[in-house]
Amino acid sequence: MTSPWGRLRGVCQVVAALLAAGAAALPAQSTPGTVVTDTLWAQSLGTRKALTVYLPPSYGRSAATRYPLLVYLHGLGGSERDWVTAGRLPQVMDSLIAVGFPEAIVAMPDGDDGWYTTWASLPDA
């Protein structure tokens, strides 16, 4: 009988093989997505926070196009750029799109090391 960890390992191997095949199938003339990092005011936290966003290749061509939003959270001790640098998110998204997966926007917020909870409180008005 296969353990749950053995099945999970098998699934991960299949996904890795599919991603590798997708990356190999990426056409040379394909337009890559764009990664943008900016800051925004977080009213609930009372401070500015960094946000990194992956925008798919067709983003901005039509104001009527709507995209699904995926939110990727970094781990303890990480930053909003971890999925881009360590996870190679732009390359993975571009290869998946090139083989027919739907385009999506991926938002990667800076969560500090606060377990994504509200660590700051605003003064009473």
PDB file of N, CA and C in Angstrom:
ATOM      1  N   MET A   1       0.843  -1.182   0.000  1.00  0.00           N
ATOM      2  CA  MET A   1       0.000   0.000   0.000  1.00  0.00           C
ATOM      3  C   MET A   1       0.887   1.244   0.000  1.00  0.00           C
ATOM      4  N   THR A   2       0.586   2.180  -0.863  1.00  0.00           N
ATOM      5  CA  THR A   2       1.382   3.393  -0.987  1.00  0.00           C
ATOM      6  C   THR A   2       0.960   4.392   0.083  1.00  0.00           C
ATOM      7  N   SER A   3       1.945   5.005   0.736  1.00  0.00           N
ATOM      8  CA  SER A   3       1.633   6.009   1.749  1.00  0.00           C
ATOM      9  C   SER A   3       1.181   7.300   1.078  1.00  0.00           C
ATOM     10  N   PRO A   4       0.484   8.184   1.822  1.00  0.00           N
ATOM     11  CA  PRO A   4       0.107   9.481   1.236  1.00  0.00           C
ATOM     12  C   PRO A   4       1.312  10.260   0.739  1.00  0.00           C
ATOM     13  N   TRP A   5       2.465  10.140   1.442  1.00  0.00           N
ATOM     14  CA  TRP A   5       3.669  10.860   1.012  1.00  0.00           C
ATOM     15  C   TRP A   5       4.197  10.304  -0.294  1.00  0.00           C
ATOM     16  N   GLY A   6       4.082   8.991  -0.475  1.00  0.00           N
ATOM     17  CA  GLY A   6       4.517   8.380  -1.722  1.00  0.00           C
ATOM     18  C   GLY A   6       3.653   8.828  -2.892  1.00  0.00           C
ATOM     19  N   ARG A   7       2.341   8.918  -2.651  1.00  0.00           N
ATOM     20  CA  ARG A   7       1.439   9.399  -3.701  1.00  0.00           C
ATOM     21  C   ARG A   7       1.718  10.862  -4.020  1.00  0.00           C
ATOM     22  N   LEU A   8       1.942  11.668  -2.970  1.00  0.00           N
ATOM     23  CA  LEU A   8       2.246  13.084  -3.182  1.00  0.00           C
ATOM     24  C   LEU A   8       3.533  13.241  -3.983  1.00  0.00           C
ATOM     25  N   ARG A   9       4.544  12.442  -3.665  1.00  0.00           N
ATOM     26  CA  ARG A   9       5.802  12.493  -4.408  1.00  0.00           C
ATOM     27  C   ARG A   9       5.560  12.145  -5.876  1.00  0.00           C
ATOM     28  N   GLY A  10       4.725  11.136  -6.129  1.00  0.00           N
ATOM     29  CA  GLY A  10       4.405  10.756  -7.504  1.00  0.00           C
ATOM     30  C   GLY A  10       3.703  11.874  -8.254  1.00  0.00           C
ATOM     31  N   VAL A  11       2.760  12.531  -7.592  1.00  0.00           N
ATOM     32  CA  VAL A  11       2.051  13.658  -8.214  1.00  0.00           C
ATOM     33  C   VAL A  11       3.032  14.786  -8.509  1.00  0.00           C
ATOM     34  N   CYS A  12       3.924  15.077  -7.571  1.00  0.00           N
ATOM     35  CA  CYS A  12       4.915  16.144  -7.779  1.00  0.00           C
ATOM     36  C   CYS A  12       5.833  15.816  -8.957  1.00  0.00           C
ATOM     37  N   GLN A  13       6.196  14.553  -9.112  1.00  0.00           N
ATOM     38  CA  GLN A  13       7.055  14.159 -10.229  1.00  0.00           C
ATOM     39  C   GLN A  13       6.330  14.343 -11.561  1.00  0.00           C
ATOM     40  N   VAL A  14       5.035  14.011 -11.590  1.00  0.00           N
ATOM     41  CA  VAL A  14       4.252  14.201 -12.812  1.00  0.00           C
ATOM     42  C   VAL A  14       4.136  15.680 -13.148  1.00  0.00           C
ATOM     43  N   VAL A  15       3.841  16.526 -12.138  1.00  0.00           N
ATOM     44  CA  VAL A  15       3.728  17.964 -12.362  1.00  0.00           C
ATOM     45  C   VAL A  15       5.063  18.527 -12.844  1.00  0.00           C
ATOM     46  N   ALA A  16       6.166  18.105 -12.236  1.00  0.00           N
ATOM     47  CA  ALA A  16       7.489  18.594 -12.665  1.00  0.00           C
ATOM     48  C   ALA A  16       7.765  18.205 -14.110  1.00  0.00           C
ATOM     49  N   ALA A  17       7.391  16.984 -14.484  1.00  0.00           N
ATOM     50  CA  ALA A  17       7.598  16.548 -15.868  1.00  0.00           C
ATOM     51  C   ALA A  17       6.754  17.376 -16.831  1.00  0.00           C
ATOM     52  N   LEU A  18       5.504  17.662 -16.456  1.00  0.00           N
ATOM     53  CA  LEU A  18       4.637  18.484 -17.302  1.00  0.00           C
ATOM     54  C   LEU A  18       5.179  19.900 -17.437  1.00  0.00           C
ATOM     55  N   LEU A  19       5.670  20.466 -16.333  1.00  0.00           N
ATOM     56  CA  LEU A  19       6.229  21.813 -16.392  1.00  0.00           C
ATOM     57  C   LEU A  19       7.489  21.842 -17.264  1.00  0.00           C
ATOM     58  N   ALA A  20       8.306  20.817 -17.148  1.00  0.00           N
ATOM     59  CA  ALA A  20       9.516  20.758 -17.972  1.00  0.00           C
ATOM     60  C   ALA A  20       9.144  20.641 -19.445  1.00  0.00           C
ATOM     61  N   ALA A  21       8.133  19.827 -19.748  1.00  0.00           N
ATOM     62  CA  ALA A  21       7.688  19.689 -21.134  1.00  0.00           C
ATOM     63  C   ALA A  21       7.115  21.001 -21.641  1.00  0.00           C
ATOM     64  N   GLY A  22       6.383  21.696 -20.770  1.00  0.00           N
ATOM     65  CA  GLY A  22       5.811  22.993 -21.150  1.00  0.00           C
ATOM     66  C   GLY A  22       6.900  24.013 -21.415  1.00  0.00           C
ATOM     67  N   ALA A  23       7.929  24.031 -20.590  1.00  0.00           N
ATOM     68  CA  ALA A  23       9.024  24.978 -20.796  1.00  0.00           C
ATOM     69  C   ALA A  23       9.765  24.674 -22.088  1.00  0.00           C
ATOM     70  N   ALA A  24       9.910  23.390 -22.418  1.00  0.00           N
ATOM     71  CA  ALA A  24      10.587  23.025 -23.653  1.00  0.00           C
ATOM     72  C   ALA A  24       9.754  23.402 -24.872  1.00  0.00           C
ATOM     73  N   ALA A  25       8.414  23.432 -24.694  1.00  0.00           N
ATOM     74  CA  ALA A  25       7.520  23.738 -25.818  1.00  0.00           C
ATOM     75  C   ALA A  25       7.292  25.234 -26.003  1.00  0.00           C
ATOM     76  N   LEU A  26       7.881  26.053 -25.142  1.00  0.00           N
ATOM     77  CA  LEU A  26       7.682  27.497 -25.236  1.00  0.00           C
ATOM     78  C   LEU A  26       8.252  28.025 -26.542  1.00  0.00           C
ATOM     79  N   PRO A  27       7.397  28.588 -27.394  1.00  0.00           N
ATOM     80  CA  PRO A  27       7.892  29.109 -28.663  1.00  0.00           C
ATOM     81  C   PRO A  27       8.865  30.261 -28.450  1.00  0.00           C
ATOM     82  N   ALA A  28       9.878  30.338 -29.288  1.00  0.00           N
ATOM     83  CA  ALA A  28      10.896  31.381 -29.158  1.00  0.00           C
ATOM     84  C   ALA A  28      10.302  32.769 -29.355  1.00  0.00           C
ATOM     85  N   GLN A  29       9.273  32.902 -30.202  1.00  0.00           N
ATOM     86  CA  GLN A  29       8.697  34.208 -30.482  1.00  0.00           C
ATOM     87  C   GLN A  29       7.620  34.601 -29.460  1.00  0.00           C
ATOM     88  N   SER A  30       7.335  33.756 -28.495  1.00  0.00           N
ATOM     89  CA  SER A  30       6.306  34.040 -27.499  1.00  0.00           C
ATOM     90  C   SER A  30       6.685  35.261 -26.665  1.00  0.00           C
ATOM     91  N   THR A  31       5.702  36.106 -26.421  1.00  0.00           N
ATOM     92  CA  THR A  31       5.916  37.283 -25.598  1.00  0.00           C
ATOM     93  C   THR A  31       5.811  36.888 -24.126  1.00  0.00           C
ATOM     94  N   PRO A  32       6.801  37.201 -23.323  1.00  0.00           N
ATOM     95  CA  PRO A  32       6.732  36.840 -21.908  1.00  0.00           C
ATOM     96  C   PRO A  32       5.828  37.796 -21.129  1.00  0.00           C
ATOM     97  N   GLY A  33       5.389  37.333 -19.969  1.00  0.00           N
ATOM     98  CA  GLY A  33       4.636  38.194 -19.072  1.00  0.00           C
ATOM     99  C   GLY A  33       5.569  39.223 -18.439  1.00  0.00           C
ATOM    100  N   THR A  34       4.989  40.089 -17.639  1.00  0.00           N
ATOM    101  CA  THR A  34       5.735  41.174 -17.002  1.00  0.00           C
ATOM    102  C   THR A  34       5.638  41.044 -15.489  1.00  0.00           C
ATOM    103  N   VAL A  35       6.729  41.335 -14.795  1.00  0.00           N
ATOM    104  CA  VAL A  35       6.731  41.354 -13.331  1.00  0.00           C
ATOM    105  C   VAL A  35       6.947  42.792 -12.882  1.00  0.00           C
ATOM    106  N   VAL A  36       6.059  43.262 -12.006  1.00  0.00           N
ATOM    107  CA  VAL A  36       6.112  44.629 -11.500  1.00  0.00           C
ATOM    108  C   VAL A  36       6.119  44.577  -9.974  1.00  0.00           C
ATOM    109  N   THR A  37       7.010  45.339  -9.353  1.00  0.00           N
ATOM    110  CA  THR A  37       7.007  45.467  -7.895  1.00  0.00           C
ATOM    111  C   THR A  37       6.768  46.924  -7.552  1.00  0.00           C
ATOM    112  N   ASP A  38       5.836  47.157  -6.654  1.00  0.00           N
ATOM    113  CA  ASP A  38       5.492  48.521  -6.251  1.00  0.00           C
ATOM    114  C   ASP A  38       5.077  48.485  -4.791  1.00  0.00           C
ATOM    115  N   THR A  39       4.757  49.633  -4.246  1.00  0.00           N
ATOM    116  CA  THR A  39       4.232  49.699  -2.885  1.00  0.00           C
ATOM    117  C   THR A  39       2.840  50.305  -2.915  1.00  0.00           C
ATOM    118  N   LEU A  40       2.075  49.976  -1.900  1.00  0.00           N
ATOM    119  CA  LEU A  40       0.734  50.541  -1.767  1.00  0.00           C
ATOM    120  C   LEU A  40       0.459  50.809  -0.298  1.00  0.00           C
ATOM    121  N   TRP A  41      -0.473  51.713  -0.061  1.00  0.00           N
ATOM    122  CA  TRP A  41      -0.844  52.053   1.310  1.00  0.00           C
ATOM    123  C   TRP A  41      -1.829  51.009   1.814  1.00  0.00           C
ATOM    124  N   ALA A  42      -1.512  50.364   2.934  1.00  0.00           N
ATOM    125  CA  ALA A  42      -2.393  49.375   3.558  1.00  0.00           C
ATOM    126  C   ALA A  42      -3.066  50.067   4.748  1.00  0.00           C
ATOM    127  N   GLN A  43      -4.277  50.531   4.556  1.00  0.00           N
ATOM    128  CA  GLN A  43      -4.986  51.285   5.585  1.00  0.00           C
ATOM    129  C   GLN A  43      -5.140  50.468   6.873  1.00  0.00           C
ATOM    130  N   SER A  44      -5.448  49.183   6.750  1.00  0.00           N
ATOM    131  CA  SER A  44      -5.655  48.365   7.944  1.00  0.00           C
ATOM    132  C   SER A  44      -4.377  48.174   8.754  1.00  0.00           C
ATOM    133  N   LEU A  45      -3.213  48.294   8.102  1.00  0.00           N
ATOM    134  CA  LEU A  45      -1.943  48.146   8.798  1.00  0.00           C
ATOM    135  C   LEU A  45      -1.307  49.486   9.156  1.00  0.00           C
ATOM    136  N   GLY A  46      -1.783  50.556   8.506  1.00  0.00           N
ATOM    137  CA  GLY A  46      -1.244  51.876   8.776  1.00  0.00           C
ATOM    138  C   GLY A  46       0.164  52.078   8.243  1.00  0.00           C
ATOM    139  N   THR A  47       0.507  51.405   7.151  1.00  0.00           N
ATOM    140  CA  THR A  47       1.853  51.514   6.584  1.00  0.00           C
ATOM    141  C   THR A  47       1.821  51.177   5.098  1.00  0.00           C
ATOM    142  N   ARG A  48       2.925  51.456   4.418  1.00  0.00           N
ATOM    143  CA  ARG A  48       3.055  51.068   3.007  1.00  0.00           C
ATOM    144  C   ARG A  48       3.594  49.641   2.960  1.00  0.00           C
ATOM    145  N   LYS A  49       3.100  48.847   2.026  1.00  0.00           N
ATOM    146  CA  LYS A  49       3.533  47.458   1.867  1.00  0.00           C
ATOM    147  C   LYS A  49       3.936  47.219   0.418  1.00  0.00           C
ATOM    148  N   ALA A  50       4.927  46.368   0.215  1.00  0.00           N
ATOM    149  CA  ALA A  50       5.373  46.010  -1.134  1.00  0.00           C
ATOM    150  C   ALA A  50       4.442  44.945  -1.707  1.00  0.00           C
ATOM    151  N   LEU A  51       4.296  44.979  -3.021  1.00  0.00           N
ATOM    152  CA  LEU A  51       3.479  44.007  -3.737  1.00  0.00           C
ATOM    153  C   LEU A  51       4.154  43.731  -5.074  1.00  0.00           C
ATOM    154  N   THR A  52       4.408  42.463  -5.359  1.00  0.00           N
ATOM    155  CA  THR A  52       4.948  42.061  -6.655  1.00  0.00           C
ATOM    156  C   THR A  52       3.819  41.395  -7.423  1.00  0.00           C
ATOM    157  N   VAL A  53       3.682  41.738  -8.714  1.00  0.00           N
ATOM    158  CA  VAL A  53       2.594  41.226  -9.537  1.00  0.00           C
ATOM    159  C   VAL A  53       3.144  40.695 -10.852  1.00  0.00           C
ATOM    160  N   TYR A  54       2.694  39.491 -11.230  1.00  0.00           N
ATOM    161  CA  TYR A  54       2.974  38.952 -12.557  1.00  0.00           C
ATOM    162  C   TYR A  54       1.775  39.278 -13.433  1.00  0.00           C
ATOM    163  N   LEU A  55       2.026  39.948 -14.565  1.00  0.00           N
ATOM    164  CA  LEU A  55       0.982  40.279 -15.531  1.00  0.00           C
ATOM    165  C   LEU A  55       1.194  39.426 -16.772  1.00  0.00           C
ATOM    166  N   PRO A  56       0.152  38.729 -17.243  1.00  0.00           N
ATOM    167  CA  PRO A  56       0.314  37.834 -18.392  1.00  0.00           C
ATOM    168  C   PRO A  56       0.629  38.595 -19.673  1.00  0.00           C
ATOM    169  N   PRO A  57       1.113  37.891 -20.698  1.00  0.00           N
ATOM    170  CA  PRO A  57       1.538  38.547 -21.943  1.00  0.00           C
ATOM    171  C   PRO A  57       0.486  39.443 -22.586  1.00  0.00           C
ATOM    172  N   SER A  58      -0.784  39.077 -22.531  1.00  0.00           N
ATOM    173  CA  SER A  58      -1.811  39.875 -23.210  1.00  0.00           C
ATOM    174  C   SER A  58      -2.375  40.994 -22.338  1.00  0.00           C
ATOM    175  N   TYR A  59      -1.863  41.135 -21.108  1.00  0.00           N
ATOM    176  CA  TYR A  59      -2.405  42.160 -20.212  1.00  0.00           C
ATOM    177  C   TYR A  59      -2.223  43.553 -20.808  1.00  0.00           C
ATOM    178  N   GLY A  60      -3.281  44.345 -20.785  1.00  0.00           N
ATOM    179  CA  GLY A  60      -3.224  45.721 -21.268  1.00  0.00           C
ATOM    180  C   GLY A  60      -3.617  45.895 -22.722  1.00  0.00           C
ATOM    181  N   ARG A  61      -3.800  44.810 -23.451  1.00  0.00           N
ATOM    182  CA  ARG A  61      -4.188  44.925 -24.857  1.00  0.00           C
ATOM    183  C   ARG A  61      -5.652  45.311 -25.022  1.00  0.00           C
ATOM    184  N   SER A  62      -6.486  44.898 -24.069  1.00  0.00           N
ATOM    185  CA  SER A  62      -7.909  45.202 -24.132  1.00  0.00           C
ATOM    186  C   SER A  62      -8.416  45.489 -22.732  1.00  0.00           C
ATOM    187  N   ALA A  63      -9.090  46.620 -22.574  1.00  0.00           N
ATOM    188  CA  ALA A  63      -9.628  46.981 -21.269  1.00  0.00           C
ATOM    189  C   ALA A  63     -10.768  46.048 -20.850  1.00  0.00           C
ATOM    190  N   ALA A  64     -11.344  45.339 -21.802  1.00  0.00           N
ATOM    191  CA  ALA A  64     -12.481  44.468 -21.507  1.00  0.00           C
ATOM    192  C   ALA A  64     -12.055  43.078 -21.021  1.00  0.00           C
ATOM    193  N   THR A  65     -10.797  42.711 -21.215  1.00  0.00           N
ATOM    194  CA  THR A  65     -10.338  41.379 -20.821  1.00  0.00           C
ATOM    195  C   THR A  65     -10.244  41.283 -19.310  1.00  0.00           C
ATOM    196  N   ARG A  66     -10.785  40.198 -18.770  1.00  0.00           N
ATOM    197  CA  ARG A  66     -10.721  39.941 -17.331  1.00  0.00           C
ATOM    198  C   ARG A  66      -9.864  38.708 -17.091  1.00  0.00           C
ATOM    199  N   TYR A  67      -9.101  38.726 -16.004  1.00  0.00           N
ATOM    200  CA  TYR A  67      -8.189  37.639 -15.695  1.00  0.00           C
ATOM    201  C   TYR A  67      -8.480  37.105 -14.295  1.00  0.00           C
ATOM    202  N   PRO A  68      -8.280  35.800 -14.089  1.00  0.00           N
ATOM    203  CA  PRO A  68      -8.336  35.284 -12.721  1.00  0.00           C
ATOM    204  C   PRO A  68      -7.153  35.851 -11.927  1.00  0.00           C
ATOM    205  N   LEU A  69      -7.331  35.982 -10.628  1.00  0.00           N
ATOM    206  CA  LEU A  69      -6.267  36.476  -9.753  1.00  0.00           C
ATOM    207  C   LEU A  69      -5.823  35.351  -8.836  1.00  0.00           C
ATOM    208  N   LEU A  70      -4.529  35.060  -8.864  1.00  0.00           N
ATOM    209  CA  LEU A  70      -3.936  34.087  -7.962  1.00  0.00           C
ATOM    210  C   LEU A  70      -3.095  34.862  -6.954  1.00  0.00           C
ATOM    211  N   VAL A  71      -3.236  34.556  -5.671  1.00  0.00           N
ATOM    212  CA  VAL A  71      -2.458  35.234  -4.631  1.00  0.00           C
ATOM    213  C   VAL A  71      -1.491  34.212  -4.047  1.00  0.00           C
ATOM    214  N   TYR A  72      -0.203  34.479  -4.213  1.00  0.00           N
ATOM    215  CA  TYR A  72       0.840  33.593  -3.701  1.00  0.00           C
ATOM    216  C   TYR A  72       1.461  34.252  -2.477  1.00  0.00           C
ATOM    217  N   LEU A  73       1.484  33.532  -1.360  1.00  0.00           N
ATOM    218  CA  LEU A  73       2.037  34.054  -0.117  1.00  0.00           C
ATOM    219  C   LEU A  73       3.409  33.423   0.133  1.00  0.00           C
ATOM    220  N   HIS A  74       4.358  34.238   0.568  1.00  0.00           N
ATOM    221  CA  HIS A  74       5.693  33.714   0.881  1.00  0.00           C
ATOM    222  C   HIS A  74       5.704  33.078   2.262  1.00  0.00           C
ATOM    223  N   GLY A  75       6.738  32.342   2.529  1.00  0.00           N
ATOM    224  CA  GLY A  75       6.867  31.673   3.817  1.00  0.00           C
ATOM    225  C   GLY A  75       7.573  32.534   4.848  1.00  0.00           C
ATOM    226  N   LEU A  76       7.692  31.989   6.047  1.00  0.00           N
ATOM    227  CA  LEU A  76       8.341  32.670   7.160  1.00  0.00           C
ATOM    228  C   LEU A  76       9.770  33.043   6.777  1.00  0.00           C
ATOM    229  N   GLY A  77      10.114  34.301   6.972  1.00  0.00           N
ATOM    230  CA  GLY A  77      11.450  34.784   6.640  1.00  0.00           C
ATOM    231  C   GLY A  77      11.604  35.173   5.181  1.00  0.00           C
ATOM    232  N   GLY A  78      10.543  35.041   4.396  1.00  0.00           N
ATOM    233  CA  GLY A  78      10.621  35.342   2.978  1.00  0.00           C
ATOM    234  C   GLY A  78      10.196  36.763   2.652  1.00  0.00           C
ATOM    235  N   SER A  79      10.067  37.012   1.347  1.00  0.00           N
ATOM    236  CA  SER A  79       9.622  38.323   0.894  1.00  0.00           C
ATOM    237  C   SER A  79       8.697  38.150  -0.303  1.00  0.00           C
ATOM    238  N   GLU A  80       8.118  39.247  -0.729  1.00  0.00           N
ATOM    239  CA  GLU A  80       7.195  39.228  -1.866  1.00  0.00           C
ATOM    240  C   GLU A  80       7.879  38.835  -3.173  1.00  0.00           C
ATOM    241  N   ARG A  81       9.200  38.820  -3.226  1.00  0.00           N
ATOM    242  CA  ARG A  81       9.930  38.463  -4.449  1.00  0.00           C
ATOM    243  C   ARG A  81      10.328  36.980  -4.497  1.00  0.00           C
ATOM    244  N   ASP A  82      10.073  36.219  -3.445  1.00  0.00           N
ATOM    245  CA  ASP A  82      10.520  34.826  -3.392  1.00  0.00           C
ATOM    246  C   ASP A  82       9.969  33.956  -4.519  1.00  0.00           C
ATOM    247  N   TRP A  83       8.690  34.128  -4.865  1.00  0.00           N
ATOM    248  CA  TRP A  83       8.116  33.307  -5.933  1.00  0.00           C
ATOM    249  C   TRP A  83       8.758  33.644  -7.282  1.00  0.00           C
ATOM    250  N   VAL A  84       9.216  34.884  -7.442  1.00  0.00           N
ATOM    251  CA  VAL A  84       9.844  35.295  -8.705  1.00  0.00           C
ATOM    252  C   VAL A  84      11.272  34.761  -8.783  1.00  0.00           C
ATOM    253  N   THR A  85      12.024  34.894  -7.704  1.00  0.00           N
ATOM    254  CA  THR A  85      13.436  34.512  -7.735  1.00  0.00           C
ATOM    255  C   THR A  85      13.621  33.014  -7.500  1.00  0.00           C
ATOM    256  N   ALA A  86      13.186  32.519  -6.374  1.00  0.00           N
ATOM    257  CA  ALA A  86      13.405  31.108  -6.046  1.00  0.00           C
ATOM    258  C   ALA A  86      12.422  30.187  -6.767  1.00  0.00           C
ATOM    259  N   GLY A  87      11.193  30.655  -6.958  1.00  0.00           N
ATOM    260  CA  GLY A  87      10.180  29.816  -7.584  1.00  0.00           C
ATOM    261  C   GLY A  87      10.098  29.927  -9.093  1.00  0.00           C
ATOM    262  N   ARG A  88      10.846  30.863  -9.680  1.00  0.00           N
ATOM    263  CA  ARG A  88      10.844  31.074 -11.141  1.00  0.00           C
ATOM    264  C   ARG A  88       9.426  31.216 -11.696  1.00  0.00           C
ATOM    265  N   LEU A  89       8.580  31.910 -10.960  1.00  0.00           N
ATOM    266  CA  LEU A  89       7.179  32.048 -11.334  1.00  0.00           C
ATOM    267  C   LEU A  89       6.961  32.605 -12.741  1.00  0.00           C
ATOM    268  N   PRO A  90       7.667  33.653 -13.169  1.00  0.00           N
ATOM    269  CA  PRO A  90       7.417  34.157 -14.525  1.00  0.00           C
ATOM    270  C   PRO A  90       7.687  33.108 -15.612  1.00  0.00           C
ATOM    271  N   GLN A  91       8.767  32.355 -15.479  1.00  0.00           N
ATOM    272  CA  GLN A  91       9.089  31.336 -16.470  1.00  0.00           C
ATOM    273  C   GLN A  91       8.044  30.218 -16.467  1.00  0.00           C
ATOM    274  N   VAL A  92       7.612  29.817 -15.288  1.00  0.00           N
ATOM    275  CA  VAL A  92       6.603  28.759 -15.188  1.00  0.00           C
ATOM    276  C   VAL A  92       5.283  29.228 -15.783  1.00  0.00           C
ATOM    277  N   MET A  93       4.840  30.437 -15.423  1.00  0.00           N
ATOM    278  CA  MET A  93       3.574  30.954 -15.967  1.00  0.00           C
ATOM    279  C   MET A  93       3.656  31.090 -17.484  1.00  0.00           C
ATOM    280  N   ASP A  94       4.756  31.630 -17.987  1.00  0.00           N
ATOM    281  CA  ASP A  94       4.908  31.793 -19.435  1.00  0.00           C
ATOM    282  C   ASP A  94       4.852  30.442 -20.153  1.00  0.00           C
ATOM    283  N   SER A  95       5.502  29.422 -19.589  1.00  0.00           N
ATOM    284  CA  SER A  95       5.505  28.112 -20.240  1.00  0.00           C
ATOM    285  C   SER A  95       4.124  27.469 -20.184  1.00  0.00           C
ATOM    286  N   LEU A  96       3.408  27.639 -19.084  1.00  0.00           N
ATOM    287  CA  LEU A  96       2.054  27.087 -18.992  1.00  0.00           C
ATOM    288  C   LEU A  96       1.115  27.774 -19.983  1.00  0.00           C
ATOM    289  N   ILE A  97       1.218  29.084 -20.094  1.00  0.00           N
ATOM    290  CA  ILE A  97       0.388  29.842 -21.041  1.00  0.00           C
ATOM    291  C   ILE A  97       0.703  29.413 -22.471  1.00  0.00           C
ATOM    292  N   ALA A  98       1.981  29.204 -22.759  1.00  0.00           N
ATOM    293  CA  ALA A  98       2.399  28.825 -24.114  1.00  0.00           C
ATOM    294  C   ALA A  98       1.822  27.486 -24.558  1.00  0.00           C
ATOM    295  N   VAL A  99       1.552  26.595 -23.602  1.00  0.00           N
ATOM    296  CA  VAL A  99       0.993  25.290 -23.964  1.00  0.00           C
ATOM    297  C   VAL A  99      -0.520  25.231 -23.777  1.00  0.00           C
ATOM    298  N   GLY A 100      -1.148  26.401 -23.535  1.00  0.00           N
ATOM    299  CA  GLY A 100      -2.602  26.442 -23.553  1.00  0.00           C
ATOM    300  C   GLY A 100      -3.317  26.681 -22.242  1.00  0.00           C
ATOM    301  N   PHE A 101      -2.589  26.806 -21.149  1.00  0.00           N
ATOM    302  CA  PHE A 101      -3.262  27.108 -19.890  1.00  0.00           C
ATOM    303  C   PHE A 101      -3.777  28.543 -19.932  1.00  0.00           C
ATOM    304  N   PRO A 102      -4.863  28.848 -19.210  1.00  0.00           N
ATOM    305  CA  PRO A 102      -5.385  30.216 -19.239  1.00  0.00           C
ATOM    306  C   PRO A 102      -4.436  31.206 -18.567  1.00  0.00           C
ATOM    307  N   GLU A 103      -4.439  32.430 -19.075  1.00  0.00           N
ATOM    308  CA  GLU A 103      -3.630  33.486 -18.469  1.00  0.00           C
ATOM    309  C   GLU A 103      -4.248  33.895 -17.127  1.00  0.00           C
ATOM    310  N   ALA A 104      -3.402  34.351 -16.223  1.00  0.00           N
ATOM    311  CA  ALA A 104      -3.859  34.809 -14.909  1.00  0.00           C
ATOM    312  C   ALA A 104      -2.890  35.867 -14.401  1.00  0.00           C
ATOM    313  N   ILE A 105      -3.392  36.705 -13.524  1.00  0.00           N
ATOM    314  CA  ILE A 105      -2.558  37.663 -12.797  1.00  0.00           C
ATOM    315  C   ILE A 105      -2.179  37.003 -11.483  1.00  0.00           C
ATOM    316  N   VAL A 106      -0.908  37.118 -11.090  1.00  0.00           N
ATOM    317  CA  VAL A 106      -0.453  36.548  -9.825  1.00  0.00           C
ATOM    318  C   VAL A 106       0.039  37.690  -8.942  1.00  0.00           C
ATOM    319  N   ALA A 107      -0.590  37.857  -7.781  1.00  0.00           N
ATOM    320  CA  ALA A 107      -0.195  38.886  -6.819  1.00  0.00           C
ATOM    321  C   ALA A 107       0.574  38.223  -5.679  1.00  0.00           C
ATOM    322  N   MET A 108       1.704  38.832  -5.322  1.00  0.00           N
ATOM    323  CA  MET A 108       2.558  38.294  -4.263  1.00  0.00           C
ATOM    324  C   MET A 108       2.830  39.409  -3.253  1.00  0.00           C
ATOM    325  N   PRO A 109       2.016  39.495  -2.188  1.00  0.00           N
ATOM    326  CA  PRO A 109       2.173  40.584  -1.216  1.00  0.00           C
ATOM    327  C   PRO A 109       3.283  40.322  -0.211  1.00  0.00           C
ATOM    328  N   ASP A 110       3.783  41.404   0.366  1.00  0.00           N
ATOM    329  CA  ASP A 110       4.745  41.326   1.467  1.00  0.00           C
ATOM    330  C   ASP A 110       3.956  41.071   2.743  1.00  0.00           C
ATOM    331  N   GLY A 111       4.152  39.906   3.331  1.00  0.00           N
ATOM    332  CA  GLY A 111       3.432  39.562   4.549  1.00  0.00           C
ATOM    333  C   GLY A 111       4.281  39.654   5.799  1.00  0.00           C
ATOM    334  N   ASP A 112       5.476  40.226   5.688  1.00  0.00           N
ATOM    335  CA  ASP A 112       6.408  40.267   6.820  1.00  0.00           C
ATOM    336  C   ASP A 112       6.554  38.858   7.385  1.00  0.00           C
ATOM    337  N   ASP A 113       6.705  38.766   8.682  1.00  0.00           N
ATOM    338  CA  ASP A 113       6.745  37.464   9.351  1.00  0.00           C
ATOM    339  C   ASP A 113       5.618  37.387  10.367  1.00  0.00           C
ATOM    340  N   GLY A 114       4.469  37.966  10.000  1.00  0.00           N
ATOM    341  CA  GLY A 114       3.357  38.044  10.935  1.00  0.00           C
ATOM    342  C   GLY A 114       2.263  37.042  10.687  1.00  0.00           C
ATOM    343  N   TRP A 115       2.545  35.978   9.929  1.00  0.00           N
ATOM    344  CA  TRP A 115       1.555  34.939   9.647  1.00  0.00           C
ATOM    345  C   TRP A 115       0.318  35.521   8.967  1.00  0.00           C
ATOM    346  N   TYR A 116       0.484  36.641   8.237  1.00  0.00           N
ATOM    347  CA  TYR A 116      -0.589  37.304   7.499  1.00  0.00           C
ATOM    348  C   TYR A 116      -1.742  37.698   8.415  1.00  0.00           C
ATOM    349  N   THR A 117      -1.396  38.212   9.580  1.00  0.00           N
ATOM    350  CA  THR A 117      -2.402  38.734  10.504  1.00  0.00           C
ATOM    351  C   THR A 117      -2.180  40.231  10.631  1.00  0.00           C
ATOM    352  N   THR A 118      -3.160  40.924  11.139  1.00  0.00           N
ATOM    353  CA  THR A 118      -3.042  42.358  11.340  1.00  0.00           C
ATOM    354  C   THR A 118      -2.197  42.607  12.580  1.00  0.00           C
ATOM    355  N   TRP A 119      -0.970  43.070  12.366  1.00  0.00           N
ATOM    356  CA  TRP A 119      -0.054  43.281  13.474  1.00  0.00           C
ATOM    357  C   TRP A 119      -0.037  44.727  13.941  1.00  0.00           C
ATOM    358  N   ALA A 120      -0.619  45.624  13.188  1.00  0.00           N
ATOM    359  CA  ALA A 120      -0.653  47.030  13.580  1.00  0.00           C
ATOM    360  C   ALA A 120      -2.108  47.426  13.824  1.00  0.00           C
ATOM    361  N   SER A 121      -2.306  48.325  14.745  1.00  0.00           N
ATOM    362  CA  SER A 121      -3.670  48.806  14.970  1.00  0.00           C
ATOM    363  C   SER A 121      -3.670  50.318  14.755  1.00  0.00           C
ATOM    364  N   LEU A 122      -4.720  50.800  14.129  1.00  0.00           N
ATOM    365  CA  LEU A 122      -4.849  52.219  13.881  1.00  0.00           C
ATOM    366  C   LEU A 122      -5.329  52.922  15.149  1.00  0.00           C
ATOM    367  N   PRO A 123      -4.905  54.165  15.365  1.00  0.00           N
ATOM    368  CA  PRO A 123      -5.377  54.882  16.540  1.00  0.00           C
ATOM    369  C   PRO A 123      -6.881  55.144  16.440  1.00  0.00           C
ATOM    370  N   ASP A 124      -7.517  55.196  17.585  1.00  0.00           N
ATOM    371  CA  ASP A 124      -8.957  55.507  17.612  1.00  0.00           C
ATOM    372  C   ASP A 124      -9.170  56.929  17.135  1.00  0.00           C
ATOM    373  N   ALA A 125     -10.199  57.112  16.325  1.00  0.00           N
ATOM    374  CA  ALA A 125     -10.480  58.445  15.785  1.00  0.00           C
ATOM    375  C   ALA A 125     -11.293  59.280  16.740  1.00  0.00           C
TER     376      ALA A 125
END
